[in-house]
Amino acid sequence: MDEFDYIIVGAGSSGCVVARRLSDDPANRVLLVEAGGTNQSIFIKMAAGFAKIMGNPDYFSFFPVTPQEGRGPERHSYGRGLGGSSAVNGMWYLRGQPRDFDNWRDLGLHSWGWTSIRAAYREIEDYRCDRADISRGHNGPLQITQSTYRAKVFDAIVTAAGETGAVWTDDINTPEREVVGRTQYTVDRKGQRASAYEAFLAPVRSRPNLSILTDCMAKRVVIEDGIATAIECEINGEAKRFTARREIILSAGVYRSPQLLMLSGVGPGAHLAQHGIPVLRNLPTVGENWCDHQKLGISYDLTNDPGLNREFRSWRLPRNALRYFLTGTGPLARVGLPITAMVSSDGEPSDWPDMQLAASPFAMRTVTEMAANPGSPISEKPGITFAGFHLRPKGRGTVQLESADFRAAPIVDPRFWSEEVDRRKALELVKMLRRWAGAPPLAHYVGKERQPGAQIQSDSEILEQLHTMVDPGLHGTGTCSMGTDPLTSVVDDACRVHGIGRLRVVDCSIMPTPVSGNTNGPAMAIGQRASDLILAKD
């Protein structure tokens, strides 16, 4: 069957939700195409197993980065295959803050205020906690669970978080407050990763009106007389064409969605002409407005506590693996930093935190250690790490075509620290993390600073170190931004591409400004909200 009502390109966090919603109506024939594979590895299903597949091209797509001043060669990596990045990420679940979405509404995007997004979250979530806010969902497809880690050092880290201005909460997704609480994960109650595919599509995989094609890479959208009518793909080296009677939805992510638009003749006219692509619709901001959170961490020696490092080394690792397979519990059932704090930096409103902090009695080896002695990235010595994201960067970058070949990854220019405020916020983040680590309740546990090192104190010294310490959060947004003006945006507030009929973009690339937290949860909420708009339900 080559003709469908709806065709969705990309089985990531948004695309899986859209495919589920549109196929809920048996009258809709839905096709979901995904360039990657099925992602059924045990190391994907096991919450802590993703470290075994990091960098594996079977599960990741890689995007070259334009050289940035003060930084070495780098590339960005996002998940591929069923579930997209939700199948390979750290499973950190945050909703964003109400003002993130109300600001979109105030830009004229009336379908995207917090009231609408909160309703979308309630539909998708299955979060169970005795003291959870009534705005949380409890019966949706997506199971969300909290960190279960308990130790005296955990309690000390929580107490010390008061130095950042945060107060304890039983639900870290409590909005509009500076809070600290247990990290929430897209991990189900059996200890398995709840990727967007496993949560939304696996339970309905056998629907006769839903077709899912993996290892199927979209080449372009066919646009005839200003209307999207079909997609051209490559499957096992063979060209294939699928026709859409109603709509085509691009959910290929912050890099691939703008690339597909440009390959289809929709984008900046001069850039398309440079690559010999006929311009069907000149939309100057396709691939513009790229944004990401800047991330950094500081590690210390951990004293008077064994920490978690030893649980992932030597004989304890197979023991914990056996425990996981038998009971779904233990260190391998959760991953990442078990404590999250949402706080406001200098000059920012306390009801709209702009810093996401976290901590764990765990540490990786430093870059210097790895270079001198390659091997396991997990430190042999107990360590404690404090990490954070600046959530509202001002700088904006671009995503552009490398060539007209659909197989060639687009090129990312992050324009690192193009805005001075982002440099200042990175410096402030370091100082905030050091205050947390140096708080009196942690004096018994925090030892020598490993990186950048206690000898690095002046602002100029710290900034020099930050060139190599700061990493992308891989929370990219904005490259197919929503807006009311086709000169400054790509899609309208119903996710419809300006000037092209029956074509929408539904993923994080439509975000006009970044959200306050990891983007996996918001990506699924975007899929839910956009599905309402596609189905004309308000």
Protein backbone atom coordinates (compact mmCIF):
# COMPACT_ATOMS: atom_id res chain seq x y z
CA MET A 1 0.00 0.00 0.00
CA ASP A 2 1.55 3.28 -1.12
CA GLU A 3 -1.25 5.71 -0.24
CA PHE A 4 -2.15 6.87 3.24
CA ASP A 5 -4.19 9.57 4.92
CA TYR A 6 -1.29 10.80 7.04
CA ILE A 7 2.46 10.31 6.63
CA ILE A 8 4.76 11.08 9.58
CA VAL A 9 8.50 11.36 8.98
CA GLY A 10 10.51 10.52 12.10
CA ALA A 11 9.72 8.14 14.97
CA GLY A 12 11.18 10.29 17.73
CA SER A 13 9.51 11.66 20.85
CA SER A 14 6.99 13.82 18.95
CA GLY A 15 6.44 11.56 15.95
CA CYS A 16 5.52 8.52 18.04
CA VAL A 17 2.87 10.51 19.90
CA VAL A 18 1.40 11.89 16.65
CA ALA A 19 1.31 8.42 15.07
CA ARG A 20 -0.50 7.04 18.12
CA ARG A 21 -3.06 9.83 18.19
CA LEU A 22 -3.83 9.87 14.48
CA SER A 23 -4.16 6.08 14.34
CA ASP A 24 -6.59 6.08 17.28
CA ASP A 25 -9.27 6.63 14.65
CA PRO A 26 -9.46 3.39 12.62
CA ALA A 27 -10.66 5.40 9.62
CA ASN A 28 -7.21 7.07 9.38
CA ARG A 29 -4.54 5.13 7.50
CA VAL A 30 -1.24 6.26 9.00
CA LEU A 31 2.34 5.69 7.83
CA LEU A 32 5.33 6.38 10.09
CA VAL A 33 8.76 6.24 8.44
CA GLU A 34 12.02 6.15 10.38
CA ALA A 35 15.56 6.29 9.03
CA GLY A 36 16.95 4.17 11.89
CA GLY A 37 16.24 0.67 13.11
CA THR A 38 13.94 -0.97 15.64
CA ASN A 39 16.00 -0.16 18.78
CA GLN A 40 15.19 -3.40 20.56
CA SER A 41 18.62 -3.82 22.20
CA ILE A 42 18.63 -4.91 25.83
CA PHE A 43 20.98 -1.98 26.48
CA ILE A 44 18.21 0.38 25.41
CA LYS A 45 15.53 -1.27 27.51
CA MET A 46 17.77 -1.35 30.60
CA ALA A 47 17.71 2.15 32.08
CA ALA A 48 21.45 2.30 32.79
CA GLY A 49 22.41 0.29 29.72
CA PHE A 50 22.61 3.23 27.34
CA ALA A 51 26.25 3.81 28.31
CA LYS A 52 27.07 0.62 26.38
CA ILE A 53 25.71 2.00 23.11
CA MET A 54 26.87 5.63 23.30
CA GLY A 55 28.40 6.66 19.99
CA ASN A 56 27.16 3.56 18.16
CA PRO A 57 26.00 4.69 14.68
CA ASP A 58 23.26 2.06 14.77
CA TYR A 59 21.56 4.20 17.41
CA PHE A 60 22.86 7.73 16.80
CA SER A 61 23.02 10.24 13.97
CA PHE A 62 25.97 12.61 13.95
CA PHE A 63 26.02 16.21 12.79
CA PRO A 64 29.23 18.13 12.01
CA VAL A 65 29.81 21.39 13.84
CA THR A 66 31.43 24.47 12.33
CA PRO A 67 34.70 25.13 14.22
CA GLN A 68 34.12 27.41 17.20
CA GLU A 69 36.71 29.77 18.69
CA GLY A 70 38.55 28.20 21.60
CA ARG A 71 37.07 24.76 21.04
CA GLY A 72 38.39 21.63 19.36
CA PRO A 73 36.64 19.53 16.69
CA GLU A 74 33.16 18.46 17.72
CA ARG A 75 29.93 16.98 16.47
CA HIS A 76 26.43 16.71 17.87
CA SER A 77 24.68 13.37 18.22
CA TYR A 78 20.98 12.62 18.41
CA GLY A 79 19.14 9.32 18.66
CA ARG A 80 17.92 7.42 15.61
CA GLY A 81 15.56 4.47 15.30
CA LEU A 82 12.19 3.87 16.94
CA GLY A 83 11.86 6.33 19.82
CA GLY A 84 14.60 8.62 18.50
CA SER A 85 16.56 10.28 21.28
CA SER A 86 14.06 9.02 23.86
CA ALA A 87 15.54 5.56 23.22
CA VAL A 88 19.12 6.59 24.02
CA ASN A 89 18.97 9.62 26.35
CA GLY A 90 19.41 9.91 30.12
CA MET A 91 15.61 9.72 30.62
CA TRP A 92 15.53 12.96 32.67
CA TYR A 93 11.92 14.16 32.74
CA LEU A 94 10.97 17.80 33.18
CA ARG A 95 7.93 19.65 31.85
CA GLY A 96 9.30 23.16 31.47
CA GLN A 97 7.84 26.18 33.25
CA PRO A 98 4.44 27.83 32.67
CA ARG A 99 6.05 31.09 31.56
CA ASP A 100 7.95 29.27 28.82
CA PHE A 101 4.67 28.45 27.11
CA ASP A 102 2.74 31.56 28.09
CA ASN A 103 5.47 33.57 26.38
CA TRP A 104 4.72 31.62 23.19
CA ARG A 105 1.06 32.52 23.60
CA ASP A 106 2.01 36.16 24.01
CA LEU A 107 3.91 35.99 20.72
CA GLY A 108 0.55 35.35 19.04
CA LEU A 109 0.74 31.54 19.25
CA HIS A 110 -2.60 31.26 20.99
CA SER A 111 -2.72 27.44 20.88
CA TRP A 112 0.40 27.05 23.00
CA GLY A 113 -0.16 28.69 26.40
CA TRP A 114 0.46 26.78 29.62
CA THR A 115 -3.21 25.91 30.04
CA SER A 116 -3.16 23.97 26.76
CA ILE A 117 0.24 22.39 27.37
CA ARG A 118 -0.68 21.36 30.91
CA ALA A 119 -3.71 19.57 29.51
CA ALA A 120 -1.45 17.79 27.01
CA TYR A 121 0.84 16.62 29.80
CA ARG A 122 -2.09 15.30 31.78
CA GLU A 123 -3.15 13.21 28.79
CA ILE A 124 0.24 11.60 28.18
CA GLU A 125 1.53 11.10 31.74
CA ASP A 126 1.20 8.15 34.09
CA TYR A 127 2.87 9.62 37.16
CA ARG A 128 1.98 8.28 40.58
CA CYS A 129 3.01 9.96 43.79
CA ASP A 130 0.92 10.48 46.92
CA ARG A 131 1.63 14.21 46.95
CA ALA A 132 1.74 14.89 43.22
CA ASP A 133 0.16 18.11 42.00
CA ILE A 134 -3.34 17.63 40.63
CA SER A 135 -2.10 18.97 37.31
CA ARG A 136 -0.10 15.76 36.78
CA GLY A 137 -1.52 12.96 34.65
CA HIS A 138 -2.03 9.53 36.18
CA ASN A 139 -3.51 7.33 33.45
CA GLY A 140 -1.62 8.18 30.27
CA PRO A 141 0.66 5.91 28.23
CA LEU A 142 3.95 7.36 29.56
CA GLN A 143 5.10 5.97 32.91
CA ILE A 144 7.28 8.37 34.90
CA THR A 145 9.06 7.36 38.09
CA GLN A 146 11.30 9.06 40.62
CA SER A 147 14.84 8.37 41.72
CA THR A 148 14.91 5.70 44.43
CA TYR A 149 18.48 6.31 45.65
CA ARG A 150 18.89 6.58 49.41
CA ALA A 151 22.05 7.30 51.39
CA LYS A 152 23.35 9.72 54.02
CA VAL A 153 25.28 11.57 51.32
CA PHE A 154 22.02 12.01 49.40
CA ASP A 155 20.47 13.70 52.42
CA ALA A 156 23.51 15.94 52.79
CA ILE A 157 23.33 17.00 49.14
CA VAL A 158 19.64 17.90 49.57
CA THR A 159 20.32 19.92 52.70
CA ALA A 160 23.21 21.71 51.00
CA ALA A 161 20.94 22.62 48.08
CA GLY A 162 19.48 25.27 50.35
CA GLU A 163 22.63 27.23 49.55
CA THR A 164 21.30 27.65 46.00
CA GLY A 165 17.96 29.00 47.23
CA ALA A 166 16.00 25.81 46.54
CA VAL A 167 13.49 24.26 48.95
CA TRP A 168 12.51 20.60 49.06
CA THR A 169 9.56 19.40 46.98
CA ASP A 170 8.02 15.97 46.58
CA ASP A 171 7.53 16.69 42.87
CA ILE A 172 10.42 18.31 41.03
CA ASN A 173 7.95 19.37 38.33
CA THR A 174 6.33 21.77 40.78
CA PRO A 175 6.01 24.91 38.63
CA GLU A 176 7.05 28.49 39.30
CA ARG A 177 9.25 27.83 42.33
CA GLU A 178 12.89 27.33 43.19
CA VAL A 179 12.90 23.70 44.31
CA VAL A 180 15.04 20.63 44.87
CA GLY A 181 13.74 17.09 44.73
CA ARG A 182 14.19 13.60 43.40
CA THR A 183 14.92 13.42 39.70
CA GLN A 184 12.07 12.04 37.60
CA TYR A 185 12.71 9.63 34.74
CA THR A 186 10.92 8.15 31.75
CA VAL A 187 11.45 4.75 33.36
CA ASP A 188 8.50 2.45 33.99
CA ARG A 189 7.69 0.71 37.25
CA LYS A 190 9.49 -2.43 36.06
CA GLY A 191 12.75 -0.49 35.72
CA GLN A 192 12.67 -0.39 31.92
CA ARG A 193 13.16 2.66 29.72
CA ALA A 194 9.85 4.20 28.67
CA SER A 195 10.88 5.53 25.25
CA ALA A 196 8.27 7.30 23.17
CA TYR A 197 8.01 4.19 20.99
CA GLU A 198 7.59 1.76 23.89
CA ALA A 199 5.09 4.03 25.67
CA PHE A 200 2.93 5.16 22.76
CA LEU A 201 3.33 2.79 19.82
CA ALA A 202 4.45 -0.64 21.01
CA PRO A 203 1.05 -1.29 22.69
CA VAL A 204 -0.79 -0.53 19.42
CA ARG A 205 1.82 -1.79 16.96
CA SER A 206 -0.60 -4.34 15.44
CA ARG A 207 -3.26 -1.82 14.44
CA PRO A 208 -4.28 -2.57 10.84
CA ASN A 209 -4.42 1.15 10.02
CA LEU A 210 -0.88 1.85 11.27
CA SER A 211 2.20 1.07 9.18
CA ILE A 212 5.71 1.61 10.56
CA LEU A 213 8.73 1.43 8.27
CA THR A 214 12.23 1.41 9.73
CA ASP A 215 15.49 1.83 7.80
CA CYS A 216 13.50 4.13 5.52
CA MET A 217 15.20 7.47 4.94
CA ALA A 218 13.11 10.34 3.59
CA LYS A 219 14.73 12.16 0.65
CA ARG A 220 12.26 14.99 0.14
CA VAL A 221 8.63 16.05 0.31
CA VAL A 222 6.92 16.21 -3.07
CA ILE A 223 5.18 19.58 -3.40
CA GLU A 224 2.83 20.18 -6.32
CA ASP A 225 1.17 23.57 -6.88
CA GLY A 226 2.02 24.59 -3.32
CA ILE A 227 0.59 21.44 -1.73
CA ALA A 228 2.52 18.57 -0.14
CA THR A 229 1.34 15.37 -1.78
CA ALA A 230 3.94 12.67 -1.18
CA ILE A 231 7.36 11.78 0.19
CA GLU A 232 10.22 10.14 -1.62
CA CYS A 233 12.28 7.69 0.43
CA GLU A 234 15.09 5.21 0.13
CA ILE A 235 14.65 1.70 1.54
CA ASN A 236 17.56 -0.72 1.29
CA GLY A 237 19.01 1.35 -1.55
CA GLU A 238 15.75 1.42 -3.52
CA ALA A 239 13.67 4.51 -4.18
CA LYS A 240 10.10 4.51 -2.91
CA ARG A 241 7.27 7.04 -3.05
CA PHE A 242 4.32 7.28 -0.64
CA THR A 243 1.30 9.51 -1.22
CA ALA A 244 -0.65 11.36 1.49
CA ARG A 245 -4.33 12.11 0.95
CA ARG A 246 -4.54 14.49 3.91
CA GLU A 247 -1.26 15.64 5.41
CA ILE A 248 2.47 15.07 5.76
CA ILE A 249 3.99 15.74 9.18
CA LEU A 250 7.75 16.20 9.61
CA SER A 251 8.92 15.02 13.04
CA ALA A 252 12.53 14.41 12.08
CA GLY A 253 14.08 16.63 14.73
CA VAL A 254 15.86 19.95 15.04
CA TYR A 255 18.41 19.05 12.33
CA ARG A 256 16.62 16.74 9.94
CA SER A 257 13.28 18.59 9.75
CA PRO A 258 14.81 21.82 8.38
CA GLN A 259 17.06 19.73 6.13
CA LEU A 260 14.03 17.97 4.63
CA LEU A 261 12.26 21.27 4.07
CA MET A 262 15.28 22.68 2.27
CA LEU A 263 15.78 19.54 0.18
CA SER A 264 12.11 19.91 -0.81
CA GLY A 265 12.57 23.50 -2.02
CA VAL A 266 11.32 25.26 1.12
CA GLY A 267 13.82 27.54 2.83
CA PRO A 268 16.20 30.47 2.32
CA GLY A 269 16.17 31.08 -1.44
CA ALA A 270 19.85 31.98 -1.82
CA HIS A 271 20.99 28.97 0.21
CA LEU A 272 18.83 26.58 -1.82
CA ALA A 273 20.05 28.09 -5.09
CA GLN A 274 23.63 27.63 -3.91
CA HIS A 275 22.95 23.88 -3.82
CA GLY A 276 21.00 23.78 -7.08
CA ILE A 277 17.62 23.19 -5.41
CA PRO A 278 14.61 24.87 -7.11
CA VAL A 279 12.96 27.31 -4.70
CA LEU A 280 9.29 26.46 -4.25
CA ARG A 281 8.77 28.66 -1.20
CA ASN A 282 11.26 31.22 0.10
CA LEU A 283 11.16 30.95 3.89
CA PRO A 284 14.27 32.77 5.15
CA THR A 285 14.32 31.32 8.67
CA VAL A 286 14.31 27.59 7.89
CA GLY A 287 17.40 26.38 9.75
CA GLU A 288 17.78 29.67 11.66
CA ASN A 289 17.05 30.32 15.36
CA TRP A 290 18.91 27.17 16.49
CA CYS A 291 19.29 27.16 20.27
CA ASP A 292 20.57 24.76 22.92
CA HIS A 293 21.19 24.75 26.64
CA GLN A 294 24.83 24.98 27.69
CA LYS A 295 25.83 22.22 30.12
CA LEU A 296 28.78 21.75 32.45
CA GLY A 297 29.80 19.67 35.45
CA ILE A 298 32.33 19.83 38.31
CA SER A 299 33.58 16.68 40.00
CA TYR A 300 35.22 16.19 43.39
CA ASP A 301 36.72 13.34 45.34
CA LEU A 302 34.07 11.73 47.52
CA THR A 303 35.11 11.07 51.12
CA ASN A 304 33.52 9.02 53.92
CA ASP A 305 31.08 7.31 51.53
CA PRO A 306 31.62 4.59 48.89
CA GLY A 307 29.38 6.38 46.38
CA LEU A 308 28.03 4.78 43.23
CA ASN A 309 31.14 4.35 41.07
CA ARG A 310 31.93 0.93 42.44
CA GLU A 311 28.46 -0.34 41.48
CA PHE A 312 29.42 -0.12 37.80
CA ARG A 313 32.85 -1.75 38.03
CA SER A 314 34.46 -5.12 38.78
CA TRP A 315 32.35 -7.89 40.34
CA ARG A 316 29.56 -5.56 41.45
CA LEU A 317 28.51 -4.83 37.87
CA PRO A 318 27.48 -8.43 36.99
CA ARG A 319 25.85 -8.74 40.41
CA ASN A 320 23.78 -5.62 39.77
CA ALA A 321 22.93 -6.85 36.28
CA LEU A 322 21.60 -10.12 37.74
CA ARG A 323 19.59 -8.16 40.30
CA TYR A 324 18.15 -5.99 37.55
CA PHE A 325 17.09 -8.93 35.35
CA LEU A 326 15.53 -10.74 38.30
CA THR A 327 13.79 -7.85 40.03
CA GLY A 328 13.97 -4.70 37.85
CA THR A 329 15.64 -2.87 40.74
CA GLY A 330 19.08 -1.70 41.79
CA PRO A 331 21.61 0.75 40.30
CA LEU A 332 20.90 -0.39 36.72
CA ALA A 333 17.20 0.46 37.04
CA ARG A 334 17.92 4.19 37.17
CA VAL A 335 20.63 6.33 35.67
CA GLY A 336 22.06 9.82 35.87
CA LEU A 337 21.90 12.31 38.70
CA PRO A 338 19.28 11.42 41.35
CA ILE A 339 18.80 14.96 42.67
CA THR A 340 17.50 17.88 40.60
CA ALA A 341 17.21 21.53 41.58
CA MET A 342 15.55 24.37 39.68
CA VAL A 343 16.88 27.78 40.73
CA SER A 344 17.12 31.33 39.47
CA SER A 345 20.40 33.08 38.73
CA ASP A 346 21.20 36.72 39.43
CA GLY A 347 18.58 39.10 38.09
CA GLU A 348 16.14 36.37 37.07
CA PRO A 349 12.63 36.01 38.57
CA SER A 350 12.31 33.42 41.33
CA ASP A 351 9.08 32.10 39.80
CA TRP A 352 10.84 31.31 36.50
CA PRO A 353 14.03 29.37 37.31
CA ASP A 354 16.70 29.61 34.63
CA MET A 355 19.24 27.14 36.05
CA GLN A 356 18.76 23.38 36.23
CA LEU A 357 21.18 21.83 38.70
CA ALA A 358 21.81 18.24 39.70
CA ALA A 359 24.14 16.15 41.82
CA SER A 360 25.20 12.54 42.33
CA PRO A 361 27.79 10.63 44.38
CA PHE A 362 29.28 9.44 41.09
CA ALA A 363 32.02 10.74 38.79
CA MET A 364 33.49 10.04 35.39
CA ARG A 365 37.20 10.18 34.67
CA THR A 366 38.51 13.51 33.46
CA VAL A 367 39.54 14.11 29.86
CA THR A 368 43.18 14.23 30.98
CA GLU A 369 42.87 10.87 32.74
CA MET A 370 41.26 9.28 29.71
CA ALA A 371 43.96 10.58 27.40
CA ALA A 372 46.74 9.24 29.63
CA ASN A 373 45.12 5.85 30.23
CA PRO A 374 42.25 4.88 27.89
CA GLY A 375 39.65 2.46 29.19
CA SER A 376 36.44 2.63 31.19
CA PRO A 377 35.19 6.22 31.50
CA ILE A 378 33.98 5.51 35.05
CA SER A 379 36.36 6.71 37.73
CA GLU A 380 37.97 4.02 39.87
CA LYS A 381 37.94 6.35 42.88
CA PRO A 382 34.71 7.47 44.56
CA GLY A 383 33.57 10.82 43.27
CA ILE A 384 30.75 13.33 43.55
CA THR A 385 29.54 15.47 40.66
CA PHE A 386 27.58 18.70 40.51
CA ALA A 387 26.21 19.62 37.10
CA GLY A 388 23.92 22.17 35.56
CA PHE A 389 22.31 23.75 32.51
CA HIS A 390 21.70 27.39 31.75
CA LEU A 391 18.15 27.17 30.45
CA ARG A 392 17.54 30.46 28.66
CA PRO A 393 20.53 31.21 26.41
CA LYS A 394 20.32 34.25 24.17
CA GLY A 395 22.65 33.13 21.38
CA ARG A 396 21.22 31.60 18.22
CA GLY A 397 22.90 29.42 15.63
CA THR A 398 22.05 27.84 12.29
CA VAL A 399 21.56 24.51 10.56
CA GLN A 400 22.44 24.51 6.87
CA LEU A 401 22.76 22.02 4.06
CA GLU A 402 26.14 20.49 3.40
CA SER A 403 24.94 19.44 -0.04
CA ALA A 404 21.78 18.51 -1.93
CA ASP A 405 22.46 14.84 -1.12
CA PHE A 406 19.87 13.71 1.43
CA ARG A 407 22.41 11.31 2.94
CA ALA A 408 24.76 14.14 3.91
CA ALA A 409 24.17 15.41 7.44
CA PRO A 410 23.43 19.14 7.69
CA ILE A 411 26.07 21.40 9.26
CA VAL A 412 25.47 23.06 12.65
CA ASP A 413 26.93 26.45 13.55
CA PRO A 414 26.16 26.95 17.25
CA ARG A 415 27.78 30.43 17.29
CA PHE A 416 29.12 29.52 20.70
CA TRP A 417 28.99 32.45 23.14
CA SER A 418 27.90 34.80 20.37
CA GLU A 419 26.01 36.67 23.09
CA GLU A 420 28.05 37.93 26.02
CA VAL A 421 25.25 37.14 28.47
CA ASP A 422 25.69 33.41 27.80
CA ARG A 423 29.36 33.64 28.74
CA ARG A 424 28.40 35.41 31.98
CA LYS A 425 25.75 32.82 32.80
CA ALA A 426 28.24 29.98 32.29
CA LEU A 427 30.57 31.69 34.77
CA GLU A 428 27.71 32.18 37.21
CA LEU A 429 26.76 28.51 36.85
CA VAL A 430 30.26 27.43 37.89
CA LYS A 431 30.09 29.61 40.98
CA MET A 432 26.64 28.31 41.83
CA LEU A 433 27.79 24.68 41.60
CA ARG A 434 30.85 25.44 43.73
CA ARG A 435 28.67 27.07 46.41
CA TRP A 436 26.53 23.94 46.50
CA ALA A 437 29.56 21.66 46.77
CA GLY A 438 31.13 23.88 49.43
CA ALA A 439 28.06 24.15 51.66
CA PRO A 440 28.68 23.07 55.31
CA PRO A 441 26.37 19.99 55.18
CA LEU A 442 28.72 18.47 52.56
CA ALA A 443 32.03 19.19 54.31
CA HIS A 444 32.17 15.56 55.47
CA TYR A 445 31.86 14.24 51.90
CA VAL A 446 33.38 16.66 49.38
CA GLY A 447 37.12 16.45 48.88
CA LYS A 448 39.50 17.71 46.22
CA GLU A 449 38.04 19.40 43.15
CA ARG A 450 39.07 17.35 40.12
CA GLN A 451 38.12 19.71 37.29
CA PRO A 452 38.76 22.56 36.72
CA GLY A 453 40.61 22.40 40.08
CA ALA A 454 40.57 24.62 43.14
CA GLN A 455 43.54 26.60 41.81
CA ILE A 456 41.31 28.02 39.07
CA GLN A 457 39.63 30.95 40.82
CA SER A 458 39.64 34.21 38.86
CA ASP A 459 36.88 34.90 36.34
CA SER A 460 39.39 34.97 33.49
CA GLU A 461 40.86 31.61 34.54
CA ILE A 462 37.43 30.01 34.84
CA LEU A 463 36.29 31.36 31.46
CA GLU A 464 39.39 29.94 29.80
CA GLN A 465 38.57 26.51 31.25
CA LEU A 466 34.93 26.80 30.25
CA HIS A 467 35.81 26.74 26.56
CA THR A 468 36.42 23.02 26.97
CA MET A 469 34.14 22.31 29.97
CA VAL A 470 30.88 23.55 28.43
CA ASP A 471 29.04 21.03 26.26
CA PRO A 472 25.80 21.25 24.28
CA GLY A 473 22.83 20.00 26.24
CA LEU A 474 21.53 18.26 23.09
CA HIS A 475 18.25 20.02 23.76
CA GLY A 476 18.13 21.71 20.37
CA THR A 477 15.17 23.91 19.42
CA GLY A 478 13.99 26.57 17.01
CA THR A 479 15.08 25.64 13.48
CA CYS A 480 11.49 25.49 12.15
CA SER A 481 10.20 28.07 14.58
CA MET A 482 6.52 28.89 15.08
CA GLY A 483 5.35 32.43 14.45
CA THR A 484 2.81 34.62 12.75
CA ASP A 485 5.11 36.18 10.14
CA PRO A 486 6.54 34.05 7.28
CA LEU A 487 9.57 36.36 7.16
CA THR A 488 10.58 35.47 10.72
CA SER A 489 9.13 31.99 11.26
CA VAL A 490 8.56 28.68 9.47
CA VAL A 491 5.23 27.36 10.77
CA ASP A 492 2.08 28.95 12.16
CA ASP A 493 0.52 28.19 15.54
CA ALA A 494 -1.07 25.03 14.13
CA CYS A 495 2.39 23.79 13.00
CA ARG A 496 1.49 24.36 9.31
CA VAL A 497 4.39 25.39 7.08
CA HIS A 498 3.78 28.93 5.84
CA GLY A 499 2.61 28.94 2.24
CA ILE A 500 2.60 25.14 1.76
CA GLY A 501 -0.65 23.23 2.03
CA ARG A 502 -0.99 19.93 3.93
CA LEU A 503 2.51 20.08 5.41
CA ARG A 504 3.32 20.48 9.10
CA VAL A 505 6.35 20.25 11.34
CA VAL A 506 5.83 18.73 14.79
CA ASP A 507 8.93 18.41 16.97
CA CYS A 508 11.23 20.59 19.08
CA SER A 509 12.32 22.53 16.01
CA ILE A 510 9.06 24.51 16.18
CA MET A 511 9.86 25.99 19.61
CA PRO A 512 10.31 29.76 19.14
CA THR A 513 12.25 29.97 22.43
CA PRO A 514 13.78 27.21 24.58
CA VAL A 515 11.98 25.55 27.47
CA SER A 516 13.24 25.44 31.05
CA GLY A 517 14.48 21.87 31.24
CA ASN A 518 15.23 18.77 29.20
CA THR A 519 13.30 18.66 25.94
CA ASN A 520 12.12 15.03 25.87
CA GLY A 521 8.97 15.67 27.92
CA PRO A 522 8.08 18.86 26.03
CA ALA A 523 8.65 17.05 22.71
CA MET A 524 5.97 14.51 23.65
CA ALA A 525 3.64 17.24 24.88
CA ILE A 526 4.15 19.03 21.54
CA GLY A 527 3.14 15.83 19.76
CA GLN A 528 0.00 15.60 21.90
CA ARG A 529 -0.98 19.25 21.46
CA ALA A 530 -0.25 19.27 17.73
CA SER A 531 -2.40 16.15 17.31
CA ASP A 532 -5.32 18.04 18.83
CA LEU A 533 -4.78 20.77 16.27
CA ILE A 534 -4.46 18.32 13.38
CA LEU A 535 -7.67 16.64 14.48
CA ALA A 536 -9.25 20.07 15.13
CA LYS A 537 -9.91 19.38 18.80
CA ASP A 538 -9.65 22.32 21.19
